């Protein structure tokens, strides 16, 4: 006697590229493309066609980075140029698009950071350290970097002495020495010898003195000789002679200019990624990215092991290094007060052995990074502060980690999704969908293909996602087509044996129904495939259009206003072992969304071969 079975596909989760299609859970799809959950619309109750891509601009060649400076100004790093787009996001014309710097490093890892204390944006591209103030861009070394007062209370006529006050600024060769004049001595020795040929300046009791007219300089010995002995200070005991001079240290400025990663942490800018200092982390002084002490750096691990990720989370600066079986791969820095040095960030070695292959990010307070095996998450056990690494991407690893450009993958957080861009594909981890795995959790994932635009970078700003392409195109993710082309999107159910893997099934021609989302101009199609065929066979389709005058097509029109409609389908398949349904859209401006699907079958005779 035949056994009746009703299968309901609902509560859709995400893709599962790991398992054999017949072993995938019925809430997941072994093959879904260009779909997601729009939590702003349906709170994740259905899967639907992703938004489209609308072209905003064509700027230069390869887009290396996009930075939104204000509501109407964007900075675009394209090829070797930095452009100012002053009517963003409208299409730029010659008046509103200009190259403001033409010696950029053509490198996709450039980074932008805007300080809270000013309106300036600081840019690192592995070649330059630049600052943009809303009007112009220049090298930080040329933008009046802080000149430190390195020594105070020096005594006239004596070599050495005084008190060290501020550290040397690697961004400028200039420094200031201050002296307490005695009214008799004319010779003042600086705290540096073999100083630069740059003009030396001085003030005595706030009166400016000029080199050549008021004093001479012996640059080799670092001695300044006044024509007349400076008088004693107006206020007893306070330094009254201030001498400003330059002494260049080879490679100082390049420490920061060659960095490819920078971020703000604890009101200081932190930098790394300099190939000359692969294990070094530099940082600026409090609130001033123009002042970086020559002593403000830390070395994390072996010098031949490159830092590949730097991320802030839980008031900790996390440092991730490339895989090295012989050395530690994760370090962290916590702000600490020192009685002599003030705020310091000592390096602490973590106990995570899996290295970082392609960058790290803070994903909704989950510190994650891309290893050679996929996405890893780092958590801290409160009892002993030990870090525990947990895998987060088992469902997509087999596809994501085998992409040719996986080592160049980049990540951005958008609308609660972690978007991993690899070789023209976006893998989306859903922060609102997690499932337990061993002693931790993993994410559900979706999969988009945007290879048609040859994307190079993703940029999130104000809840919008922007795409920079290798040909200089810039897109915004919105609309219902890909810049005029149809979006192929689909969700397939697993190859389902209805719970009877040893019996043949015959589907009930009646009872097939799907709850579908009402979308302006929406259209959903259904196809099916059995174990007897390799291809999906078209079954039927239905308009899913609601009443909306925006972008409405009257050839695909319905007066339905509810958020849910129903698609009735009739499928008659005999003596099959497995069945898969495919819900899809392949027409321009006609997206689909599905909440659930139901089908009935009868299990009968046994499978013979």
Protein backbone atom coordinates (compact mmCIF):
# COMPACT_ATOMS: atom_id res chain seq x y z
CA UNK A 1 0.00 0.00 0.00
CA UNK A 2 1.33 3.43 -0.95
CA UNK A 3 2.32 5.73 1.87
CA UNK A 4 1.38 9.39 1.55
CA UNK A 5 3.86 12.06 2.56
CA UNK A 6 3.63 15.82 2.54
CA UNK A 7 6.84 17.82 2.32
CA UNK A 8 6.89 21.48 3.43
CA UNK A 9 9.91 23.60 2.57
CA UNK A 10 9.95 26.63 4.86
CA UNK A 11 12.11 28.73 7.15
CA UNK A 12 14.73 28.94 4.45
CA UNK A 13 18.22 29.46 5.88
CA UNK A 14 20.98 29.72 3.27
CA UNK A 15 23.19 27.70 0.97
CA UNK A 16 25.09 24.51 1.72
CA UNK A 17 27.84 23.89 -0.81
CA UNK A 18 29.53 21.36 1.46
CA UNK A 19 27.17 18.42 1.29
CA UNK A 20 26.00 16.17 -1.52
CA UNK A 21 22.69 17.71 -2.79
CA UNK A 22 20.58 14.86 -1.44
CA UNK A 23 22.06 15.28 2.06
CA UNK A 24 21.41 18.99 2.44
CA UNK A 25 18.89 20.01 5.10
CA UNK A 26 15.54 20.95 3.59
CA UNK A 27 15.85 24.51 4.97
CA UNK A 28 19.02 25.04 2.93
CA UNK A 29 19.79 25.04 -0.74
CA UNK A 30 22.59 23.11 -2.46
CA UNK A 31 22.50 25.62 -5.30
CA UNK A 32 21.08 29.12 -4.81
CA UNK A 33 22.20 32.22 -6.68
CA UNK A 34 21.66 35.95 -6.22
CA UNK A 35 19.11 35.67 -3.41
CA UNK A 36 19.12 36.96 0.16
CA UNK A 37 16.87 37.85 3.07
CA UNK A 38 15.73 41.47 3.12
CA UNK A 39 15.31 42.00 6.85
CA UNK A 40 14.19 45.60 6.41
CA UNK A 41 11.15 44.43 4.46
CA UNK A 42 10.11 40.96 5.64
CA UNK A 43 12.26 40.49 8.76
CA UNK A 44 13.93 37.56 7.06
CA UNK A 45 10.77 35.54 6.56
CA UNK A 46 11.50 34.81 2.89
CA UNK A 47 14.34 34.56 0.42
CA UNK A 48 14.18 36.85 -2.58
CA UNK A 49 16.11 38.25 -5.51
CA UNK A 50 19.00 40.45 -4.47
CA UNK A 51 19.07 44.16 -5.34
CA UNK A 52 20.52 45.15 -8.68
CA UNK A 53 23.55 47.27 -9.53
CA UNK A 54 23.14 50.78 -10.92
CA UNK A 55 26.14 52.50 -12.46
CA UNK A 56 26.95 55.86 -10.89
CA UNK A 57 30.16 56.90 -12.58
CA UNK A 58 33.14 56.02 -14.75
CA UNK A 59 36.34 57.27 -13.10
CA UNK A 60 39.84 56.46 -14.29
CA UNK A 61 40.97 52.86 -14.52
CA UNK A 62 40.90 50.28 -11.71
CA UNK A 63 38.98 51.40 -8.60
CA UNK A 64 41.24 50.72 -5.61
CA UNK A 65 39.08 52.36 -2.96
CA UNK A 66 36.12 54.65 -2.37
CA UNK A 67 35.80 57.03 0.56
CA UNK A 68 32.66 59.07 1.22
CA UNK A 69 33.93 62.29 2.79
CA UNK A 70 30.55 64.01 3.15
CA UNK A 71 27.03 63.83 1.74
CA UNK A 72 28.24 65.31 -1.55
CA UNK A 73 32.01 64.61 -1.70
CA UNK A 74 33.64 61.25 -2.39
CA UNK A 75 37.31 60.46 -2.80
CA UNK A 76 38.09 57.83 -5.41
CA UNK A 77 41.43 56.04 -5.59
CA UNK A 78 41.54 54.90 -9.20
CA UNK A 79 44.76 53.57 -10.68
CA UNK A 80 47.56 55.99 -9.79
CA UNK A 81 45.23 58.96 -9.20
CA UNK A 82 43.09 60.26 -6.37
CA UNK A 83 39.91 61.96 -7.57
CA UNK A 84 37.56 64.36 -5.80
CA UNK A 85 33.94 63.74 -6.81
CA UNK A 86 32.14 66.85 -5.57
CA UNK A 87 28.53 66.18 -6.62
CA UNK A 88 28.32 62.66 -5.23
CA UNK A 89 26.24 60.56 -5.79
CA UNK A 90 25.07 62.26 -9.00
CA UNK A 91 26.91 61.40 -12.20
CA UNK A 92 30.09 63.54 -12.20
CA UNK A 93 30.95 65.92 -15.01
CA UNK A 94 34.18 67.83 -15.69
CA UNK A 95 33.22 70.48 -13.16
CA UNK A 96 32.62 68.04 -10.34
CA UNK A 97 35.36 65.48 -10.95
CA UNK A 98 39.04 66.31 -10.74
CA UNK A 99 42.28 64.49 -10.05
CA UNK A 100 43.76 65.99 -6.89
CA UNK A 101 46.78 63.69 -6.59
CA UNK A 102 48.51 61.78 -9.37
CA UNK A 103 51.17 59.63 -7.71
CA UNK A 104 49.07 57.07 -5.86
CA UNK A 105 50.10 53.46 -5.44
CA UNK A 106 47.96 51.33 -7.76
CA UNK A 107 47.10 48.99 -4.92
CA UNK A 108 43.69 47.76 -3.78
CA UNK A 109 44.61 47.85 -0.10
CA UNK A 110 44.66 51.64 0.32
CA UNK A 111 42.83 52.87 3.41
CA UNK A 112 41.17 56.08 4.59
CA UNK A 113 40.65 57.26 8.19
CA UNK A 114 38.88 60.38 9.37
CA UNK A 115 39.78 61.69 12.82
CA UNK A 116 37.10 62.84 15.23
CA UNK A 117 39.14 65.88 16.22
CA UNK A 118 39.27 67.33 12.70
CA UNK A 119 37.66 67.14 9.29
CA UNK A 120 40.82 65.75 7.75
CA UNK A 121 41.07 62.34 6.12
CA UNK A 122 44.36 60.47 6.33
CA UNK A 123 45.23 58.09 3.49
CA UNK A 124 47.71 55.20 3.38
CA UNK A 125 48.33 53.38 0.12
CA UNK A 126 51.67 51.65 0.68
CA UNK A 127 53.54 54.48 -1.01
CA UNK A 128 52.11 57.73 0.37
CA UNK A 129 50.80 59.07 3.65
CA UNK A 130 48.39 61.81 2.60
CA UNK A 131 45.89 64.15 4.22
CA UNK A 132 42.75 65.64 2.64
CA UNK A 133 41.09 68.58 4.39
CA UNK A 134 37.99 68.99 2.22
CA UNK A 135 39.76 71.32 -0.21
CA UNK A 136 43.11 69.85 -1.16
CA UNK A 137 45.33 66.84 -0.58
CA UNK A 138 49.01 66.79 0.28
CA UNK A 139 51.60 64.61 1.93
CA UNK A 140 51.37 64.69 5.72
CA UNK A 141 55.07 65.49 5.82
CA UNK A 142 54.26 68.72 3.96
CA UNK A 143 51.16 69.61 5.99
CA UNK A 144 52.78 71.25 9.03
CA UNK A 145 53.41 68.09 11.03
CA UNK A 146 53.95 68.59 14.73
CA UNK A 147 57.47 69.80 15.60
CA UNK A 148 58.51 68.19 18.90
CA UNK A 149 60.49 69.95 21.62
CA UNK A 150 62.95 67.11 22.07
CA UNK A 151 65.15 68.63 24.81
CA UNK A 152 64.45 71.30 27.45
CA UNK A 153 66.45 73.09 30.17
CA UNK A 154 69.75 72.77 28.32
CA UNK A 155 72.53 74.97 29.62
CA UNK A 156 74.34 77.34 27.29
CA UNK A 157 77.98 76.51 26.61
CA UNK A 158 77.68 72.82 27.55
CA UNK A 159 77.55 69.76 25.33
CA UNK A 160 74.68 67.50 26.37
CA UNK A 161 72.63 68.03 29.47
CA UNK A 162 69.05 69.12 29.75
CA UNK A 163 66.03 66.89 29.95
CA UNK A 164 64.46 64.81 27.22
CA UNK A 165 60.93 66.13 26.75
CA UNK A 166 59.26 64.90 23.54
CA UNK A 167 60.15 62.15 21.09
CA UNK A 168 61.31 62.74 17.54
CA UNK A 169 58.46 62.92 15.00
CA UNK A 170 59.19 60.54 12.13
CA UNK A 171 57.05 62.72 9.83
CA UNK A 172 59.38 65.72 10.01
CA UNK A 173 63.13 66.19 10.42
CA UNK A 174 62.47 69.34 12.45
CA UNK A 175 62.86 69.51 16.21
CA UNK A 176 63.18 72.19 18.88
CA UNK A 177 65.75 72.51 21.67
CA UNK A 178 65.17 75.01 24.49
CA UNK A 179 67.88 76.54 26.67
CA UNK A 180 68.22 78.60 29.82
CA UNK A 181 70.54 81.48 28.93
CA UNK A 182 72.95 82.86 31.55
CA UNK A 183 73.57 86.22 29.88
CA UNK A 184 77.22 85.43 29.12
CA UNK A 185 77.51 82.32 26.94
CA UNK A 186 77.19 82.64 23.18
CA UNK A 187 77.54 78.99 22.20
CA UNK A 188 74.58 76.61 22.36
CA UNK A 189 74.99 72.90 21.56
CA UNK A 190 72.05 71.07 20.01
CA UNK A 191 71.02 67.49 20.78
CA UNK A 192 71.94 66.42 17.25
CA UNK A 193 75.07 66.62 15.13
CA UNK A 194 75.51 66.60 11.35
CA UNK A 195 72.25 68.49 11.06
CA UNK A 196 70.58 69.31 7.73
CA UNK A 197 71.37 72.29 5.55
CA UNK A 198 67.87 73.64 6.18
CA UNK A 199 67.73 77.13 7.72
CA UNK A 200 67.99 77.17 11.49
CA UNK A 201 65.66 79.54 13.35
CA UNK A 202 65.75 80.83 16.91
CA UNK A 203 63.87 83.01 19.37
CA UNK A 204 65.35 84.73 22.43
CA UNK A 205 62.85 86.06 24.95
CA UNK A 206 60.20 85.76 22.22
CA UNK A 207 62.25 87.83 19.77
CA UNK A 208 63.03 86.12 16.47
CA UNK A 209 66.66 85.79 15.48
CA UNK A 210 67.96 85.14 11.97
CA UNK A 211 70.73 82.78 10.91
CA UNK A 212 73.60 84.71 9.34
CA UNK A 213 72.52 88.03 10.78
CA UNK A 214 72.19 87.14 14.48
CA UNK A 215 73.97 83.81 14.77
CA UNK A 216 76.01 81.23 12.88
CA UNK A 217 75.64 77.43 12.78
CA UNK A 218 78.32 74.75 12.78
CA UNK A 219 76.18 71.94 11.34
CA UNK A 220 78.75 69.18 11.72
CA UNK A 221 79.08 69.65 15.48
CA UNK A 222 75.52 70.92 16.01
CA UNK A 223 76.65 74.24 17.54
CA UNK A 224 74.83 77.58 17.34
CA UNK A 225 76.91 80.69 18.11
CA UNK A 226 75.13 83.99 18.74
CA UNK A 227 76.82 87.28 17.84
CA UNK A 228 75.75 88.60 21.24
CA UNK A 229 75.18 86.50 24.31
CA UNK A 230 71.42 85.97 24.84
CA UNK A 231 70.27 87.69 28.06
CA UNK A 232 68.83 85.85 31.03
CA UNK A 233 65.16 84.97 30.84
CA UNK A 234 62.52 87.54 31.69
CA UNK A 235 61.03 85.01 34.08
CA UNK A 236 63.71 83.42 36.23
CA UNK A 237 64.27 79.71 35.76
CA UNK A 238 62.31 79.36 32.51
CA UNK A 239 63.87 78.50 29.17
CA UNK A 240 64.17 81.57 26.99
CA UNK A 241 66.23 80.42 23.98
CA UNK A 242 64.42 78.19 21.51
CA UNK A 243 66.30 76.82 18.49
CA UNK A 244 64.52 74.97 15.67
CA UNK A 245 66.62 72.84 13.32
CA UNK A 246 66.33 69.80 11.06
CA UNK A 247 68.05 66.45 11.23
CA UNK A 248 66.86 63.85 8.76
CA UNK A 249 66.92 60.18 9.72
CA UNK A 250 66.88 57.98 6.64
CA UNK A 251 63.70 55.91 6.36
CA UNK A 252 61.76 57.63 9.14
CA UNK A 253 58.93 58.99 6.99
CA UNK A 254 58.78 55.77 4.94
CA UNK A 255 57.86 53.82 8.07
CA UNK A 256 54.34 55.19 7.75
CA UNK A 257 54.16 55.93 4.02
CA UNK A 258 54.74 52.28 3.14
CA UNK A 259 52.00 51.02 5.46
CA UNK A 260 48.94 49.55 3.76
CA UNK A 261 46.72 49.19 6.83
CA UNK A 262 45.65 51.91 9.24
CA UNK A 263 42.82 52.39 11.70
CA UNK A 264 41.83 54.50 14.70
CA UNK A 265 42.03 52.92 18.13
CA UNK A 266 41.92 54.66 21.52
CA UNK A 267 42.06 58.09 19.78
CA UNK A 268 45.32 57.19 18.09
CA UNK A 269 46.06 56.06 14.56
CA UNK A 270 47.68 52.64 14.22
CA UNK A 271 49.58 51.55 11.11
CA UNK A 272 51.01 48.31 9.76
CA UNK A 273 51.64 46.48 6.50
CA UNK A 274 55.05 48.03 5.76
CA UNK A 275 57.01 45.28 3.94
CA UNK A 276 60.25 46.66 5.40
CA UNK A 277 58.84 46.09 8.90
CA UNK A 278 56.55 43.07 8.40
CA UNK A 279 55.92 42.50 12.10
CA UNK A 280 55.75 46.15 13.24
CA UNK A 281 52.74 48.15 14.44
CA UNK A 282 53.23 51.93 14.63
CA UNK A 283 50.92 54.46 16.25
CA UNK A 284 50.48 58.22 16.45
CA UNK A 285 50.24 60.40 19.51
CA UNK A 286 46.86 61.09 21.11
CA UNK A 287 44.48 62.64 18.59
CA UNK A 288 47.27 63.73 16.22
CA UNK A 289 48.06 61.58 13.14
CA UNK A 290 50.67 64.22 12.22
CA UNK A 291 52.83 63.25 15.20
CA UNK A 292 54.27 59.74 15.28
CA UNK A 293 57.07 59.20 17.75
CA UNK A 294 60.11 57.25 16.60
CA UNK A 295 59.58 55.10 19.70
CA UNK A 296 55.87 54.44 19.19
CA UNK A 297 56.00 50.97 17.68
CA UNK A 298 55.67 47.37 18.73
CA UNK A 299 56.98 44.17 17.18
CA UNK A 300 54.52 41.28 17.08
CA UNK A 301 56.17 37.92 16.63
CA UNK A 302 58.88 36.88 14.22
CA UNK A 303 60.23 39.56 11.89
CA UNK A 304 59.79 37.39 8.80
CA UNK A 305 56.10 36.72 9.44
CA UNK A 306 53.88 39.32 7.78
CA UNK A 307 50.97 41.04 9.55
CA UNK A 308 47.94 40.39 7.33
CA UNK A 309 45.10 41.76 9.46
CA UNK A 310 44.46 44.45 12.08
CA UNK A 311 41.07 44.89 13.73
CA UNK A 312 39.58 46.62 16.79
CA UNK A 313 37.11 44.87 19.07
CA UNK A 314 36.22 44.87 22.77
CA UNK A 315 38.75 47.64 23.46
CA UNK A 316 41.51 45.44 22.06
CA UNK A 317 43.65 45.89 18.96
CA UNK A 318 43.86 42.48 17.32
CA UNK A 319 46.84 41.67 15.10
CA UNK A 320 46.73 38.68 12.75
CA UNK A 321 49.73 37.23 10.93
CA UNK A 322 50.19 34.93 7.98
CA UNK A 323 50.28 31.22 8.69
CA UNK A 324 53.55 30.14 10.27
CA UNK A 325 53.73 26.73 11.92
CA UNK A 326 56.82 27.72 13.91
CA UNK A 327 55.52 30.99 15.37
CA UNK A 328 52.44 32.56 16.96
CA UNK A 329 49.87 33.97 14.53
CA UNK A 330 47.61 36.14 16.72
CA UNK A 331 48.66 39.03 18.98
CA UNK A 332 46.69 41.69 20.80
CA UNK A 333 47.26 45.10 22.38
CA UNK A 334 45.31 46.52 25.31
CA UNK A 335 45.67 50.14 26.52
CA UNK A 336 47.79 50.25 29.67
CA UNK A 337 48.89 53.17 31.85
CA UNK A 338 52.60 53.43 32.58
CA UNK A 339 53.90 55.84 35.25
CA UNK A 340 56.73 57.08 33.03
CA UNK A 341 55.47 56.64 29.47
CA UNK A 342 51.77 57.29 30.00
CA UNK A 343 49.44 55.27 27.74
CA UNK A 344 51.18 52.27 26.18
CA UNK A 345 50.01 49.26 24.18
CA UNK A 346 52.23 46.30 25.03
CA UNK A 347 52.17 43.35 22.69
CA UNK A 348 50.63 40.15 24.05
CA UNK A 349 50.85 36.83 22.33
CA UNK A 350 47.65 34.91 21.72
CA UNK A 351 47.34 31.17 21.60
CA UNK A 352 45.60 30.86 18.22
CA UNK A 353 47.68 28.88 15.74
CA UNK A 354 45.60 29.27 12.57
CA UNK A 355 47.07 32.14 10.54
CA UNK A 356 45.32 34.95 8.67
CA UNK A 357 45.41 34.58 4.91
CA UNK A 358 43.39 37.49 3.56
CA UNK A 359 42.36 40.11 6.13
CA UNK A 360 40.26 40.54 9.26
CA UNK A 361 37.22 42.56 10.35
CA UNK A 362 34.88 43.21 13.26
CA UNK A 363 31.57 41.65 12.25
CA UNK A 364 28.87 42.68 14.72
CA UNK A 365 31.35 42.27 17.64
CA UNK A 366 32.58 38.95 16.26
CA UNK A 367 36.30 39.28 15.47
CA UNK A 368 36.75 37.26 12.28
CA UNK A 369 39.49 36.69 9.73
CA UNK A 370 40.02 34.68 6.57
CA UNK A 371 42.37 31.74 7.00
CA UNK A 372 43.38 29.33 4.27
CA UNK A 373 40.43 27.21 5.34
CA UNK A 374 37.70 29.87 5.40
CA UNK A 375 36.29 32.35 7.91
CA UNK A 376 37.51 31.99 11.50
CA UNK A 377 36.09 33.68 14.59
CA UNK A 378 38.09 34.57 17.70
CA UNK A 379 36.50 34.51 21.13
CA UNK A 380 38.04 34.98 24.55
CA UNK A 381 37.44 32.69 27.48
CA UNK A 382 36.87 34.96 30.47
CA UNK A 383 38.44 32.58 33.01
CA UNK A 384 41.99 32.73 31.68
CA UNK A 385 41.69 35.22 28.76
CA UNK A 386 42.74 32.50 26.32
CA UNK A 387 41.59 32.95 22.74
CA UNK A 388 39.57 30.23 21.08
CA UNK A 389 39.25 30.08 17.32
CA UNK A 390 36.02 28.72 15.84
CA UNK A 391 35.19 28.13 12.20
CA UNK A 392 32.34 30.22 10.74
CA UNK A 393 32.02 29.24 7.07
CA UNK A 394 31.73 25.46 6.67
CA UNK A 395 28.71 25.83 4.38
CA UNK A 396 30.62 27.73 1.67
CA UNK A 397 34.27 26.74 2.18
CA UNK A 398 34.39 24.26 -0.66
CA UNK A 399 33.54 27.01 -3.14
CA UNK A 400 34.96 30.17 -1.49
CA UNK A 401 38.43 28.92 -0.60
CA UNK A 402 38.93 27.43 -4.06
CA UNK A 403 38.37 30.71 -5.89
CA UNK A 404 41.51 31.72 -7.81
CA UNK A 405 41.67 35.12 -6.12
CA UNK A 406 40.93 33.98 -2.58
CA UNK A 407 44.21 35.43 -1.31
CA UNK A 408 42.99 38.86 -2.48
CA UNK A 409 39.56 38.56 -0.85
CA UNK A 410 38.15 41.67 0.85
CA UNK A 411 35.39 42.07 3.42
CA UNK A 412 32.81 44.69 4.34
CA UNK A 413 29.80 44.71 6.68
CA UNK A 414 26.49 45.82 5.15
CA UNK A 415 22.92 45.55 6.46
CA UNK A 416 23.93 42.89 8.99
CA UNK A 417 25.74 40.79 6.40
CA UNK A 418 29.46 40.15 6.14
CA UNK A 419 30.17 40.47 2.43
CA UNK A 420 33.26 38.60 1.28
CA UNK A 421 34.26 39.62 -2.26
CA UNK A 422 36.26 36.99 -4.14
CA UNK A 423 36.77 36.85 -7.90
CA UNK A 424 33.52 38.56 -8.83
CA UNK A 425 31.47 36.64 -6.29
CA UNK A 426 30.07 37.84 -2.96
CA UNK A 427 29.65 35.39 -0.11
CA UNK A 428 27.25 36.81 2.49
CA UNK A 429 27.36 35.64 6.11
CA UNK A 430 24.08 36.42 7.86
CA UNK A 431 24.59 37.75 11.41
CA UNK A 432 20.92 37.03 12.25
CA UNK A 433 21.14 33.38 11.27
CA UNK A 434 23.50 31.25 13.31
CA UNK A 435 23.52 27.58 14.13
CA UNK A 436 25.37 25.66 16.83
CA UNK A 437 28.52 23.82 15.80
CA UNK A 438 30.59 21.97 18.38
CA UNK A 439 31.34 24.48 21.16
CA UNK A 440 30.59 27.60 19.12
CA UNK A 441 28.40 28.73 16.22
CA UNK A 442 28.53 29.22 12.47
CA UNK A 443 26.71 31.53 10.09
CA UNK A 444 24.19 30.80 7.38
CA UNK A 445 25.41 32.08 3.99
CA UNK A 446 24.13 33.38 0.66
CA UNK A 447 25.94 33.56 -2.65
CA UNK A 448 25.90 36.29 -5.31
CA UNK A 449 27.59 36.43 -8.70
CA UNK A 450 28.45 39.95 -9.88
CA UNK A 451 31.35 38.95 -12.12
CA UNK A 452 29.76 40.74 -15.08
CA UNK A 453 31.03 44.09 -13.71
CA UNK A 454 34.53 42.82 -12.77
CA UNK A 455 34.38 44.17 -9.20
CA UNK A 456 37.57 45.11 -7.39
CA UNK A 457 36.29 46.52 -4.07
CA UNK A 458 33.16 46.92 -1.95
CA UNK A 459 32.42 50.01 0.13
CA UNK A 460 29.63 50.50 2.68
CA UNK A 461 28.45 53.97 3.63
CA UNK A 462 25.24 55.05 5.34
CA UNK A 463 23.63 51.64 4.75
CA UNK A 464 24.44 51.74 1.04
CA UNK A 465 26.77 49.31 -0.70
CA UNK A 466 29.04 50.62 -3.46
CA UNK A 467 31.04 48.53 -5.91
CA UNK A 468 34.26 49.65 -7.57
CA UNK A 469 35.19 47.83 -10.77
CA UNK A 470 38.43 47.03 -12.54
CA UNK A 471 37.51 49.26 -15.49
CA UNK A 472 36.87 52.38 -13.38
CA UNK A 473 33.11 51.90 -13.05
CA UNK A 474 31.35 52.61 -9.76
CA UNK A 475 27.97 51.05 -8.94
CA UNK A 476 25.46 51.34 -6.12
CA UNK A 477 23.54 48.25 -5.06
CA UNK A 478 19.88 49.07 -5.64
CA UNK A 479 17.06 48.55 -8.12
CA UNK A 480 15.82 45.45 -9.90
CA UNK A 481 18.36 44.99 -12.70
CA UNK A 482 22.11 44.94 -13.17
CA UNK A 483 22.68 48.19 -15.01
CA UNK A 484 20.06 47.32 -17.60
CA UNK A 485 20.58 43.54 -17.61
CA UNK A 486 18.37 40.90 -16.03
CA UNK A 487 19.36 39.33 -12.73
CA UNK A 488 19.33 35.54 -12.83
CA UNK A 489 18.26 34.49 -9.34
CA UNK A 490 17.07 31.17 -8.01
CA UNK A 491 16.57 28.96 -4.96
CA UNK A 492 16.67 25.19 -5.33
CA UNK A 493 15.53 22.68 -2.74
CA UNK A 494 17.75 19.66 -1.98
CA UNK A 495 17.38 16.44 -3.95
CA UNK A 496 14.65 15.16 -1.65
CA UNK A 497 13.76 11.51 -1.11
CA UNK A 498 10.81 12.50 1.13
CA UNK A 499 12.24 10.44 3.97
CA UNK A 500 11.98 7.15 2.06
CA UNK A 501 15.34 6.58 0.44
CA UNK A 502 14.65 2.93 -0.42
CA UNK A 503 11.23 3.42 -2.01
CA UNK A 504 10.04 4.89 -5.27
CA UNK A 505 7.83 7.99 -5.13
CA UNK A 506 5.05 9.33 -7.30
CA UNK A 507 4.08 12.95 -6.82
CA UNK A 508 0.49 14.00 -6.28
CA UNK A 509 -0.52 16.24 -9.14
CA UNK A 510 -2.67 18.15 -6.68
CA UNK A 511 -1.60 19.95 -3.55
CA UNK A 512 1.45 21.77 -4.90
CA UNK A 513 1.45 25.30 -3.49
CA UNK A 514 3.99 27.99 -2.67
CA UNK A 515 3.61 31.14 -0.61
CA UNK A 516 5.29 33.89 -2.56
CA UNK A 517 6.16 37.49 -1.80
CA UNK A 518 4.15 40.26 -3.42
CA UNK A 519 6.70 42.49 -5.18
CA UNK A 520 6.06 45.32 -7.65
CA UNK A 521 6.43 43.73 -11.11
CA UNK A 522 7.40 40.46 -9.44
CA UNK A 523 7.37 37.18 -11.34
CA UNK A 524 8.20 33.72 -10.04
CA UNK A 525 8.86 30.63 -12.10
CA UNK A 526 9.13 27.04 -10.94
CA UNK A 527 10.96 24.08 -12.43
CA UNK A 528 11.72 20.60 -11.16
CA UNK A 529 14.41 17.96 -11.53
CA UNK A 530 14.42 14.29 -10.56
CA UNK A 531 17.11 11.67 -10.20
CA UNK A 532 16.22 10.64 -13.76
CA UNK A 533 17.49 13.89 -15.31
CA UNK A 534 20.35 16.36 -15.01
CA UNK A 535 18.40 19.46 -16.05
CA UNK A 536 15.49 21.32 -14.47
CA UNK A 537 12.22 21.20 -16.42
CA UNK A 538 10.00 24.29 -16.52
CA UNK A 539 6.70 23.76 -14.72
CA UNK A 540 4.76 27.03 -14.41
CA UNK A 541 4.99 30.69 -13.42
CA UNK A 542 2.94 33.35 -11.69
CA UNK A 543 2.87 37.12 -11.46
CA UNK A 544 3.77 38.21 -7.95
CA UNK A 545 3.00 41.86 -8.58
CA UNK A 546 1.37 44.04 -5.96
CA UNK A 547 -0.41 47.32 -6.62
CA UNK A 548 2.38 49.89 -6.86
CA UNK A 549 2.71 52.64 -9.47
CA UNK A 550 6.51 52.81 -9.09
CA UNK A 551 8.22 51.17 -12.08
CA UNK A 552 5.07 49.19 -12.83
CA UNK A 553 4.76 47.05 -15.99
CA UNK A 554 1.14 46.59 -17.06
CA UNK A 555 1.94 43.40 -18.97
CA UNK A 556 2.69 41.81 -15.59
CA UNK A 557 0.00 43.38 -13.43
CA UNK A 558 -2.15 42.36 -10.48
CA UNK A 559 -4.23 44.28 -7.95
CA UNK A 560 -3.02 42.08 -5.07
CA UNK A 561 -2.01 44.27 -2.10
CA UNK A 562 -1.19 41.64 0.55
CA UNK A 563 2.44 40.84 1.16
CA UNK A 564 1.82 37.14 0.40
CA UNK A 565 0.35 35.48 -2.68
CA UNK A 566 0.11 31.85 -3.68
CA UNK A 567 1.51 29.89 -6.60
CA UNK A 568 -0.36 26.68 -7.45
CA UNK A 569 1.69 24.15 -9.39
CA UNK A 570 0.99 20.67 -10.73
CA UNK A 571 3.86 18.23 -10.86
CA UNK A 572 3.36 14.65 -11.98
CA UNK A 573 6.49 12.49 -11.71
CA UNK A 574 6.31 8.70 -11.45
CA UNK A 575 8.63 6.18 -9.87
CA UNK A 576 11.31 8.64 -8.86
CA UNK A 577 13.79 8.42 -6.01
CA UNK A 578 14.51 12.12 -5.51
CA UNK A 579 12.97 15.44 -6.51
CA UNK A 580 14.26 19.02 -6.39
CA UNK A 581 12.24 22.19 -6.96
CA UNK A 582 13.70 25.37 -8.40
CA UNK A 583 12.11 28.78 -7.83
CA UNK A 584 13.62 31.42 -10.04
CA UNK A 585 13.48 34.62 -12.05
CA UNK A 586 15.41 35.24 -15.26
CA UNK A 587 13.64 38.31 -16.66
CA UNK A 588 14.64 41.95 -16.33
CA UNK A 589 13.00 43.95 -13.51
CA UNK A 590 10.96 40.96 -12.35
CA UNK A 591 12.30 39.74 -9.01
CA UNK A 592 10.82 36.94 -6.94
CA UNK A 593 10.47 36.07 -3.26
CA UNK A 594 9.31 32.85 -1.60
CA UNK A 595 8.21 32.06 1.94
CA UNK A 596 7.45 28.34 1.68
CA UNK A 597 6.49 25.52 -0.65
CA UNK A 598 4.46 22.35 -0.21
CA UNK A 599 4.30 19.18 -2.31
CA UNK A 600 2.77 15.75 -1.77
CA UNK A 601 3.95 12.32 -2.90
CA UNK A 602 3.22 8.64 -2.42
CA UNK A 603 5.93 6.15 -1.53
CA UNK A 604 5.39 2.74 -3.13
CA UNK A 605 7.60 -0.01 -4.46
CA UNK A 606 11.23 -0.46 -3.54
CA UNK A 607 14.14 0.94 -5.51
CA UNK A 608 15.62 -1.93 -7.52
CA UNK A 609 18.76 -0.37 -8.94
